[in-house]
Structure formats: structure tokens, C-alpha cells
N, C-alpha and C. Protein backbone atom coordinates (compact mmCIF):
# COMPACT_ATOMS: atom_id res chain seq x y z
N UNK A 1 77.61 110.12 91.86
CA UNK A 1 78.54 111.08 92.81
C UNK A 1 78.23 110.25 94.03
N UNK A 2 76.94 110.24 94.67
CA UNK A 2 76.85 109.43 95.96
C UNK A 2 77.14 108.31 95.95
N UNK A 3 76.41 107.49 95.00
CA UNK A 3 76.90 105.86 94.82
C UNK A 3 78.35 105.40 95.25
N UNK A 4 79.48 106.45 94.57
CA UNK A 4 80.72 106.57 94.91
C UNK A 4 81.19 107.07 96.13
N UNK A 5 80.51 108.30 96.71
CA UNK A 5 81.09 108.43 97.69
C UNK A 5 80.66 107.40 99.05
N UNK A 6 79.42 106.54 98.65
CA UNK A 6 79.03 105.71 99.59
C UNK A 6 80.16 104.55 99.90
N UNK A 7 80.20 103.80 98.53
CA UNK A 7 80.87 103.03 98.53
C UNK A 7 82.25 103.02 99.05
N UNK A 8 83.07 104.55 98.56
CA UNK A 8 84.50 104.73 99.64
C UNK A 8 84.52 104.95 100.70
N UNK A 9 83.16 105.66 101.49
CA UNK A 9 83.53 106.12 102.28
C UNK A 9 82.19 105.55 104.01
N UNK A 10 81.21 105.13 103.07
CA UNK A 10 80.47 104.63 104.27
C UNK A 10 79.60 103.57 104.29
N UNK A 11 79.71 102.50 103.10
CA UNK A 11 79.41 101.00 102.79
C UNK A 11 80.40 100.21 103.68
N UNK A 12 80.25 99.20 103.88
CA UNK A 12 80.62 97.76 104.67
C UNK A 12 81.37 97.41 102.89
N UNK A 13 82.50 96.68 103.11
CA UNK A 13 83.69 96.11 101.91
C UNK A 13 84.76 95.30 101.97
N UNK A 14 84.94 94.43 101.15
CA UNK A 14 85.85 93.85 101.46
C UNK A 14 86.94 93.64 100.21
N UNK A 15 86.70 95.22 99.41
CA UNK A 15 87.24 95.09 98.30
C UNK A 15 88.48 95.45 98.79
N UNK A 16 89.64 94.99 98.28
CA UNK A 16 91.21 95.53 98.15
C UNK A 16 91.62 97.09 98.03
N UNK A 17 90.77 97.20 96.83
CA UNK A 17 91.35 98.99 96.54
C UNK A 17 90.57 99.85 97.43
N UNK A 18 89.21 99.23 98.21
CA UNK A 18 88.52 100.65 99.07
C UNK A 18 89.11 100.62 100.40
N UNK A 19 89.62 99.11 100.68
CA UNK A 19 90.11 99.31 102.37
C UNK A 19 91.42 99.90 101.84
N UNK A 20 92.25 99.71 101.00
CA UNK A 20 93.57 100.48 100.95
C UNK A 20 93.37 101.92 100.83
N UNK A 21 92.33 102.16 100.51
CA UNK A 21 92.12 103.59 99.77
C UNK A 21 91.50 104.14 102.17
N UNK A 22 90.56 103.97 102.08
CA UNK A 22 90.44 103.96 103.82
C UNK A 22 91.79 103.68 104.52
N UNK A 23 92.48 102.98 104.54
CA UNK A 23 93.51 102.39 105.57
C UNK A 23 94.39 103.63 105.01
N UNK A 24 94.87 104.30 103.96
CA UNK A 24 95.34 105.70 103.85
C UNK A 24 95.05 106.84 104.84
N UNK A 25 93.55 106.80 104.98
CA UNK A 25 93.20 107.70 105.61
C UNK A 25 93.90 107.78 107.79
N UNK A 26 92.94 106.10 107.91
CA UNK A 26 93.48 105.68 109.12
C UNK A 26 94.71 106.14 108.80
N UNK A 27 95.41 105.57 108.36
CA UNK A 27 97.10 105.51 108.51
C UNK A 27 97.29 106.95 108.47
N UNK A 28 96.97 107.57 108.23
CA UNK A 28 97.54 108.98 108.26
C UNK A 28 96.99 109.97 109.49
N UNK A 29 96.00 109.64 110.06
CA UNK A 29 95.17 109.87 111.31
C UNK A 29 96.17 108.85 112.53
N UNK A 30 96.64 107.60 112.11
CA UNK A 30 97.47 107.30 113.39
C UNK A 30 98.80 107.54 112.72
N UNK A 31 99.25 107.85 112.02
CA UNK A 31 100.66 108.72 112.06
C UNK A 31 100.78 110.32 112.69
N UNK A 32 99.66 111.00 112.25
CA UNK A 32 99.58 111.87 113.36
C UNK A 32 99.87 112.00 114.90
N UNK A 33 98.97 110.95 115.53
CA UNK A 33 99.36 110.91 116.76
C UNK A 33 100.34 110.12 116.92
N UNK A 34 101.18 109.26 116.28
CA UNK A 34 102.22 108.43 116.29
C UNK A 34 103.34 109.90 116.04
N UNK A 35 103.12 110.44 114.82
CA UNK A 35 104.41 111.44 114.97
C UNK A 35 104.26 112.68 116.08
N UNK A 36 103.62 112.87 116.49
CA UNK A 36 103.22 113.78 117.70
C UNK A 36 103.49 113.52 118.56
N UNK A 37 103.35 112.29 119.29
CA UNK A 37 103.78 111.65 120.83
C UNK A 37 105.23 111.98 120.32
N UNK A 38 105.90 111.50 119.63
CA UNK A 38 107.50 111.43 118.77
C UNK A 38 108.13 112.61 119.23
N UNK A 39 107.51 113.70 118.46
CA UNK A 39 107.94 114.76 118.36
C UNK A 39 107.45 116.07 120.22
N UNK A 40 106.38 115.08 120.46
CA UNK A 40 106.18 116.07 121.80
C UNK A 40 107.46 115.13 122.72
N UNK A 41 107.17 114.32 122.91
CA UNK A 41 108.48 113.56 123.70
C UNK A 41 109.81 113.67 123.56
N UNK A 42 109.79 114.08 122.67
CA UNK A 42 111.85 114.32 121.95
C UNK A 42 111.35 115.87 122.38
N UNK A 43 110.95 116.60 121.63
CA UNK A 43 111.38 117.99 121.90
C UNK A 43 111.18 119.07 123.27
N UNK A 44 109.54 117.93 123.95
CA UNK A 44 109.35 119.22 125.19
C UNK A 44 110.08 118.03 126.45
N UNK A 45 109.74 116.56 126.28
CA UNK A 45 110.60 116.28 127.59
C UNK A 45 112.32 115.53 127.22
N UNK A 46 112.85 115.42 126.00
CA UNK A 46 114.11 115.48 125.56
C UNK A 46 114.67 113.75 125.97
N UNK A 47 113.10 113.04 125.29
CA UNK A 47 113.17 111.87 125.07
C UNK A 47 114.30 111.10 123.89
N UNK A 48 114.95 110.00 123.82
CA UNK A 48 115.57 109.59 123.14
C UNK A 48 114.71 109.20 122.15
N UNK A 49 115.13 109.54 120.69
CA UNK A 49 114.35 109.30 119.98
C UNK A 49 113.57 107.82 119.74
N UNK A 50 114.48 106.48 119.71
CA UNK A 50 114.05 105.47 120.12
C UNK A 50 113.23 104.60 121.05
N UNK A 51 113.30 105.62 122.44
CA UNK A 51 111.84 105.58 123.22
C UNK A 51 110.93 106.02 123.09
N UNK A 52 111.06 107.73 122.40
CA UNK A 52 109.90 108.00 122.08
C UNK A 52 109.11 107.75 120.92
N UNK A 53 109.56 107.18 119.78
CA UNK A 53 109.16 106.37 119.10
C UNK A 53 108.80 105.02 119.17
N UNK A 54 108.80 104.62 120.44
CA UNK A 54 108.22 103.06 120.84
C UNK A 54 106.73 103.97 121.76
N UNK A 55 106.27 105.26 122.00
CA UNK A 55 105.49 105.70 122.84
C UNK A 55 104.62 106.00 121.55
N UNK A 56 105.50 106.86 120.81
CA UNK A 56 104.40 107.13 119.34
C UNK A 56 103.70 105.93 119.00
N UNK A 57 104.62 104.80 118.64
CA UNK A 57 104.20 103.61 118.01
C UNK A 57 103.06 103.12 118.78
N UNK A 58 102.48 103.14 119.93
CA UNK A 58 101.60 102.39 120.60
C UNK A 58 100.20 103.36 120.92
N UNK A 59 100.66 104.83 120.67
CA UNK A 59 99.31 105.72 120.60
C UNK A 59 98.87 105.17 119.30
N UNK A 60 99.74 105.44 118.58
CA UNK A 60 99.15 105.25 116.83
C UNK A 60 98.94 104.00 116.34
N UNK A 61 99.54 102.74 117.19
CA UNK A 61 98.40 101.58 117.27
C UNK A 61 96.96 101.05 117.32
N UNK A 62 96.82 101.90 118.89
CA UNK A 62 95.93 102.00 119.40
C UNK A 62 94.23 102.81 118.41
N UNK A 63 94.82 104.13 118.19
CA UNK A 63 94.25 104.88 116.93
C UNK A 63 94.01 104.06 115.78
N UNK A 64 94.84 103.66 115.13
CA UNK A 64 94.60 102.80 114.35
C UNK A 64 93.89 101.13 114.43
N UNK A 65 93.89 100.87 115.19
CA UNK A 65 92.59 99.62 115.36
C UNK A 65 91.85 99.58 115.57
N UNK A 66 91.31 100.92 116.63
CA UNK A 66 90.15 101.15 116.79
C UNK A 66 89.39 101.99 115.43
N UNK A 67 89.80 102.47 114.62
CA UNK A 67 89.45 102.97 113.86
C UNK A 67 89.17 101.85 113.03
N UNK A 68 90.26 100.95 111.99
CA UNK A 68 90.49 99.97 111.15
C UNK A 68 89.50 98.32 111.12
N UNK A 69 88.82 98.91 112.82
CA UNK A 69 88.15 97.74 113.32
C UNK A 69 86.44 97.67 112.81
N UNK A 70 86.51 99.02 112.54
CA UNK A 70 85.00 99.84 112.71
C UNK A 70 84.81 100.09 110.90
N UNK A 71 85.86 100.58 110.48
CA UNK A 71 85.84 101.13 108.89
C UNK A 71 86.14 100.55 108.29
N UNK A 72 87.53 100.18 108.26
CA UNK A 72 88.41 99.64 107.07
C UNK A 72 88.68 98.18 106.71
N UNK A 73 88.68 97.20 107.96
CA UNK A 73 88.23 96.18 108.02
C UNK A 73 87.16 95.32 109.08
N UNK A 74 85.89 95.37 108.62
CA UNK A 74 84.93 95.21 109.75
C UNK A 74 84.77 93.24 109.60
N UNK A 75 84.84 93.03 108.96
CA UNK A 75 84.99 91.35 108.75
C UNK A 75 86.11 90.46 109.02
N UNK A 76 86.52 90.42 110.67
CA UNK A 76 87.85 89.80 110.95
C UNK A 76 87.53 88.36 111.25
N UNK A 77 88.76 87.33 110.27
CA UNK A 77 88.77 85.97 110.45
C UNK A 77 88.85 85.58 111.94
N UNK A 78 89.11 86.81 113.05
CA UNK A 78 89.69 85.91 114.14
C UNK A 78 87.97 86.67 114.75
N UNK A 79 87.52 85.99 115.56
CA UNK A 79 85.84 86.65 116.48
C UNK A 79 86.64 86.99 117.53
N UNK A 80 87.53 86.64 118.25
CA UNK A 80 87.77 87.21 119.82
C UNK A 80 88.52 88.37 119.50
N UNK A 81 87.90 89.34 119.56
CA UNK A 81 88.51 91.44 120.01
C UNK A 81 90.09 91.06 120.37
N UNK A 82 89.96 90.20 121.19
CA UNK A 82 91.38 90.16 122.20
C UNK A 82 92.32 89.54 121.26
N UNK A 83 92.34 88.63 120.60
CA UNK A 83 93.08 87.68 120.00
C UNK A 83 93.38 88.65 118.83
N UNK A 84 92.23 88.99 117.74
CA UNK A 84 92.56 89.80 116.92
C UNK A 84 93.19 91.14 117.07
N UNK A 85 93.05 91.75 118.17
CA UNK A 85 94.23 93.36 118.68
C UNK A 85 95.49 92.42 119.11
N UNK A 86 95.96 91.32 119.44
CA UNK A 86 97.30 90.57 119.94
C UNK A 86 97.80 90.77 118.57
N UNK A 87 97.12 89.84 117.35
CA UNK A 87 97.47 89.52 115.97
C UNK A 87 98.01 90.97 115.54
N UNK A 88 97.09 92.21 115.43
CA UNK A 88 97.39 93.27 114.69
C UNK A 88 98.30 94.20 115.83
N UNK A 89 98.59 93.91 116.58
CA UNK A 89 99.41 94.15 117.54
C UNK A 89 100.96 93.59 116.88
N UNK A 90 100.98 92.58 116.86
CA UNK A 90 102.33 92.22 116.60
C UNK A 90 102.38 92.09 114.97
N UNK A 91 101.89 92.42 114.38
CA UNK A 91 102.12 93.16 112.76
C UNK A 91 102.28 94.29 113.03
N UNK A 92 101.85 95.08 113.82
CA UNK A 92 102.41 96.39 114.01
C UNK A 92 103.65 96.67 115.09
N UNK A 93 104.29 95.90 115.86
CA UNK A 93 105.64 95.40 116.47
C UNK A 93 106.61 95.28 115.36
N UNK A 94 105.93 94.09 114.61
CA UNK A 94 107.04 94.10 113.62
C UNK A 94 107.39 95.46 112.42
N UNK A 95 106.33 96.30 112.64
CA UNK A 95 106.30 97.24 111.76
C UNK A 95 106.91 98.17 112.26
N UNK A 96 107.22 98.14 113.85
CA UNK A 96 107.59 98.77 114.89
C UNK A 96 109.76 98.85 114.77
N UNK A 97 109.89 97.41 114.54
CA UNK A 97 111.56 97.06 114.01
C UNK A 97 111.76 97.89 113.05
N UNK A 98 111.00 97.34 111.69
CA UNK A 98 111.31 98.48 110.70
C UNK A 98 111.40 99.65 110.22
N UNK A 99 110.40 100.23 111.65
CA UNK A 99 110.59 101.26 111.68
C UNK A 99 112.10 101.76 112.37
N UNK A 100 112.25 101.39 113.62
CA UNK A 100 113.61 101.43 114.62
C UNK A 100 114.98 100.73 113.14
N UNK A 101 114.86 100.05 112.25
CA UNK A 101 115.72 100.06 111.30
C UNK A 101 115.89 101.02 110.00
N UNK A 102 114.67 101.85 109.96
CA UNK A 102 114.62 102.38 109.05
C UNK A 102 115.48 104.00 109.88
N UNK A 103 114.65 104.52 110.92
CA UNK A 103 115.41 105.48 111.43
C UNK A 103 116.50 105.36 112.09
N UNK A 104 117.35 104.60 112.52
CA UNK A 104 118.41 104.49 112.95
C UNK A 104 119.19 105.41 112.17
N UNK A 105 120.01 105.35 111.13
CA UNK A 105 120.70 106.47 110.32
C UNK A 105 120.56 107.26 110.01
N UNK A 106 119.32 107.94 110.91
CA UNK A 106 118.82 109.10 110.81
C UNK A 106 118.86 110.09 112.47
N UNK A 107 119.42 109.30 113.33
CA UNK A 107 119.02 109.06 114.70
C UNK A 107 120.45 109.87 115.90
N UNK A 108 120.58 110.76 116.10
CA UNK A 108 121.35 111.37 117.32
C UNK A 108 121.73 109.89 118.29
N UNK A 109 120.72 109.55 118.82
CA UNK A 109 120.70 108.62 119.82
C UNK A 109 119.83 107.54 119.26
N UNK A 110 120.19 106.72 118.71
CA UNK A 110 119.34 105.34 118.21
C UNK A 110 119.38 104.35 118.64
N UNK A 111 118.86 103.16 118.40
CA UNK A 111 118.97 102.35 118.82
C UNK A 111 120.25 101.36 119.21
N UNK A 112 121.28 101.90 117.89
CA UNK A 112 122.67 101.65 117.65
C UNK A 112 123.57 102.50 117.77
N UNK A 113 122.87 104.22 118.33
CA UNK A 113 124.00 104.89 118.77
C UNK A 113 123.77 105.94 117.45
N UNK A 114 124.94 106.43 117.45
CA UNK A 114 124.38 108.02 116.34
C UNK A 114 124.33 106.89 115.35
N UNK A 115 123.55 108.02 114.21
CA UNK A 115 123.30 107.39 112.80
C UNK A 115 124.43 107.42 112.14
N UNK A 116 124.30 106.96 111.17
CA UNK A 116 125.25 106.86 109.42
C UNK A 116 125.08 108.45 109.17
N UNK A 117 123.84 108.41 109.17
CA UNK A 117 123.34 110.01 108.34
C UNK A 117 123.80 111.31 108.71
N UNK A 118 123.57 110.93 110.55
CA UNK A 118 124.00 112.09 111.02
C UNK A 118 125.19 112.19 111.02
N UNK A 119 125.74 111.39 111.64
CA UNK A 119 127.49 111.57 111.99
C UNK A 119 128.36 112.24 110.39
N UNK A 120 127.47 112.02 109.63
CA UNK A 120 128.07 112.35 108.65
C UNK A 120 127.57 113.91 107.47
N UNK A 121 126.49 114.15 108.17
CA UNK A 121 125.99 115.33 108.17
C UNK A 121 125.35 115.50 106.76
N UNK A 122 124.68 114.07 106.46
CA UNK A 122 124.56 114.34 105.06
C UNK A 122 123.64 114.96 104.32
N UNK A 123 122.73 115.70 105.11
CA UNK A 123 121.95 116.55 104.16
C UNK A 123 122.83 118.12 104.48
N UNK A 124 123.73 117.97 105.13
CA UNK A 124 124.08 119.53 104.69
C UNK A 124 123.45 120.69 105.67
N UNK A 125 123.27 121.42 105.50
CA UNK A 125 122.63 122.84 105.80
C UNK A 125 120.66 122.61 105.42
N UNK A 126 121.05 122.05 104.78
CA UNK A 126 119.46 121.85 104.62
C UNK A 126 118.36 121.47 106.00
N UNK A 127 119.11 120.49 106.61
CA UNK A 127 118.20 120.07 107.68
C UNK A 127 118.81 120.45 108.79
N UNK A 128 118.80 121.01 110.02
CA UNK A 128 119.23 120.68 111.03
C UNK A 128 119.76 118.98 111.54
N UNK A 129 120.82 118.59 112.69
CA UNK A 129 121.19 117.51 112.35
C UNK A 129 120.05 117.22 113.46
N UNK A 130 119.89 117.72 114.24
CA UNK A 130 118.97 117.28 115.53
C UNK A 130 117.38 117.22 115.11
N UNK A 131 117.37 117.31 113.58
CA UNK A 131 115.71 117.15 113.08
C UNK A 131 115.51 116.20 111.76
N UNK A 132 116.66 115.20 111.84
CA UNK A 132 116.79 114.16 110.95
C UNK A 132 116.38 112.75 110.89
N UNK A 133 115.80 112.83 112.60
CA UNK A 133 115.21 111.74 112.21
C UNK A 133 113.60 111.77 112.25
N UNK A 134 113.35 113.06 111.89
CA UNK A 134 112.03 113.22 111.37
C UNK A 134 111.93 113.36 109.84
N UNK A 135 113.02 113.33 109.55
CA UNK A 135 113.16 112.46 107.93
C UNK A 135 113.34 110.70 107.68
N UNK A 136 113.64 110.53 108.75
CA UNK A 136 113.71 108.88 109.07
C UNK A 136 112.07 108.67 109.38
N UNK A 137 111.54 109.41 110.16
CA UNK A 137 110.47 109.05 110.44
C UNK A 137 109.12 108.82 109.04
N UNK A 138 109.29 110.15 108.44
CA UNK A 138 108.31 110.17 107.26
C UNK A 138 108.73 109.08 106.31
N UNK A 139 110.00 108.60 106.07
CA UNK A 139 110.07 107.59 105.28
C UNK A 139 109.71 105.89 106.20
N UNK A 140 110.06 105.81 107.37
CA UNK A 140 109.76 104.57 107.88
C UNK A 140 108.42 104.59 107.88
N UNK A 141 107.11 105.40 107.91
CA UNK A 141 105.82 105.86 107.87
C UNK A 141 105.16 104.99 106.63
N UNK A 142 106.45 105.44 105.52
CA UNK A 142 105.66 105.13 104.20
C UNK A 142 105.96 103.28 104.02
N UNK A 143 107.01 102.92 104.29
CA UNK A 143 107.34 102.02 103.95
C UNK A 143 106.89 101.07 105.19
N UNK A 144 106.46 100.98 106.31
CA UNK A 144 106.11 100.14 107.07
C UNK A 144 104.51 100.66 106.93
N UNK A 145 103.87 101.74 106.31
CA UNK A 145 102.46 101.33 106.16
C UNK A 145 101.89 100.13 104.90
N UNK A 146 103.03 100.06 104.19
CA UNK A 146 102.53 98.99 103.22
C UNK A 146 102.70 97.43 103.85
N UNK A 147 103.98 97.14 104.53
CA UNK A 147 103.36 96.39 105.61
C UNK A 147 102.62 96.16 105.94
N UNK A 148 102.17 97.18 107.11
CA UNK A 148 100.98 96.32 107.96
C UNK A 148 99.58 96.39 107.08
N UNK A 149 99.45 97.21 106.44
CA UNK A 149 98.09 96.53 105.28
C UNK A 149 97.76 95.23 104.44
N UNK A 150 99.40 95.06 104.04
CA UNK A 150 98.89 94.18 103.07
C UNK A 150 98.87 92.92 104.23
N UNK A 151 99.69 93.02 105.32
CA UNK A 151 99.96 91.92 106.85
C UNK A 151 98.76 91.78 107.22
N UNK A 152 98.04 92.70 107.27
CA UNK A 152 96.53 92.95 108.48
C UNK A 152 95.86 92.17 107.22
N UNK A 153 95.74 92.96 105.93
CA UNK A 153 94.46 92.43 105.33
C UNK A 153 94.74 90.73 104.82
N UNK A 154 95.84 90.20 104.40
CA UNK A 154 95.97 88.42 104.54
C UNK A 154 96.03 87.87 105.16
N UNK A 155 96.73 88.47 106.39
CA UNK A 155 97.12 87.84 108.02
C UNK A 155 95.30 87.55 108.63
N UNK A 156 94.89 88.52 108.64
CA UNK A 156 93.23 89.35 109.84
C UNK A 156 92.51 89.10 109.14
N UNK A 157 92.54 89.94 107.68
CA UNK A 157 90.95 90.14 107.01
C UNK A 157 90.84 89.72 106.02
N UNK A 158 91.63 88.90 105.41
CA UNK A 158 91.20 88.35 103.98
C UNK A 158 89.99 87.49 104.01
N UNK A 159 89.03 88.42 103.24
CA UNK A 159 87.55 87.38 103.18
C UNK A 159 87.75 86.01 102.77
N UNK A 160 87.05 85.20 103.46
CA UNK A 160 87.27 83.78 104.30
C UNK A 160 86.36 82.95 101.96
N UNK A 161 86.64 82.28 102.00
CA UNK A 161 86.57 81.46 100.83
C UNK A 161 85.60 80.77 100.57
N UNK A 162 84.64 80.91 99.78
CA UNK A 162 83.09 80.21 100.49
C UNK A 162 83.10 78.70 99.32
């Protein structure tokens, strides 16, 4: 049991399955930060969902990078940390674009105006219209997580062939 624990949580690894498992934890922490900043800015400061999403993304990306480079992907192909962060960030920015597209139909004030699901009150009385963006964000987290993990794994952190 201790050996399994060490393999999953402690030892350095290039095993995709273990990295995926660890990345779920990191992604969860980063998502809480991202979602927390989004909700804080939207609910407390009245910021538009699309702009609050960007600030949440930046906070989540920073947390994700720091933890990922020490715990998930310890062997980067790129040795320059600045270049590594930039590529990590570009992959994340593509994820942000996906997030914006996914959240748009759920948004009252999205990048394309009022979203289709909001304007048609698709969820009826189950969810207040001003909270639809949270449903969109949760869906976006799942889909962009898959993009982010596999893009980073194969572009930045793929084990070099010997």
C-alpha cells in the first residue's frame, strides 16, 4: 500500500496514467482558484462573465503551472523555464478560447451577447438565469482539462526517445 501511495503521490514519474491522475488533483485546485476568482469578480464586483473568466483563468493557470512543474511533469523537454511557461500558457490560452466558446451560450453578458440557453431559459426554474454561467463553466472545465493535459503532455513533457 505504501509503495502504491509513493508511486501515485511522491515519486517522480513519466507514466501518463499517473500524470493524468496527479493532474486531476492539480486541475481541481486550479479550477477552484479559477472558479473562485470568476464568482468573486462576477458576484461581488458585478464584472461581466467573459472578463471575470479571463481573470479567473490567469489565476488558475498560474497555480496549475507552479504545481504541475514540480509534481506532475517534472521533466520538461524545454529547459528554459520562461519558454516552458510561455508554451504552457499558450496551450492554456487555447483552453481559455474553448472555455469562452463553451460558456457563451450560458452567459447573460458573454462575448457574443446574451447566450442562447439564457435567452430561451432552457433550464426553466431549476437554475436561476443569472447562475447559468456556472453550469457553462463546469462543462468548460471538464472539456478544457482534457485539452490542456494531453496538449501539455505531448508538446511539453513527452518523454524523449532514447
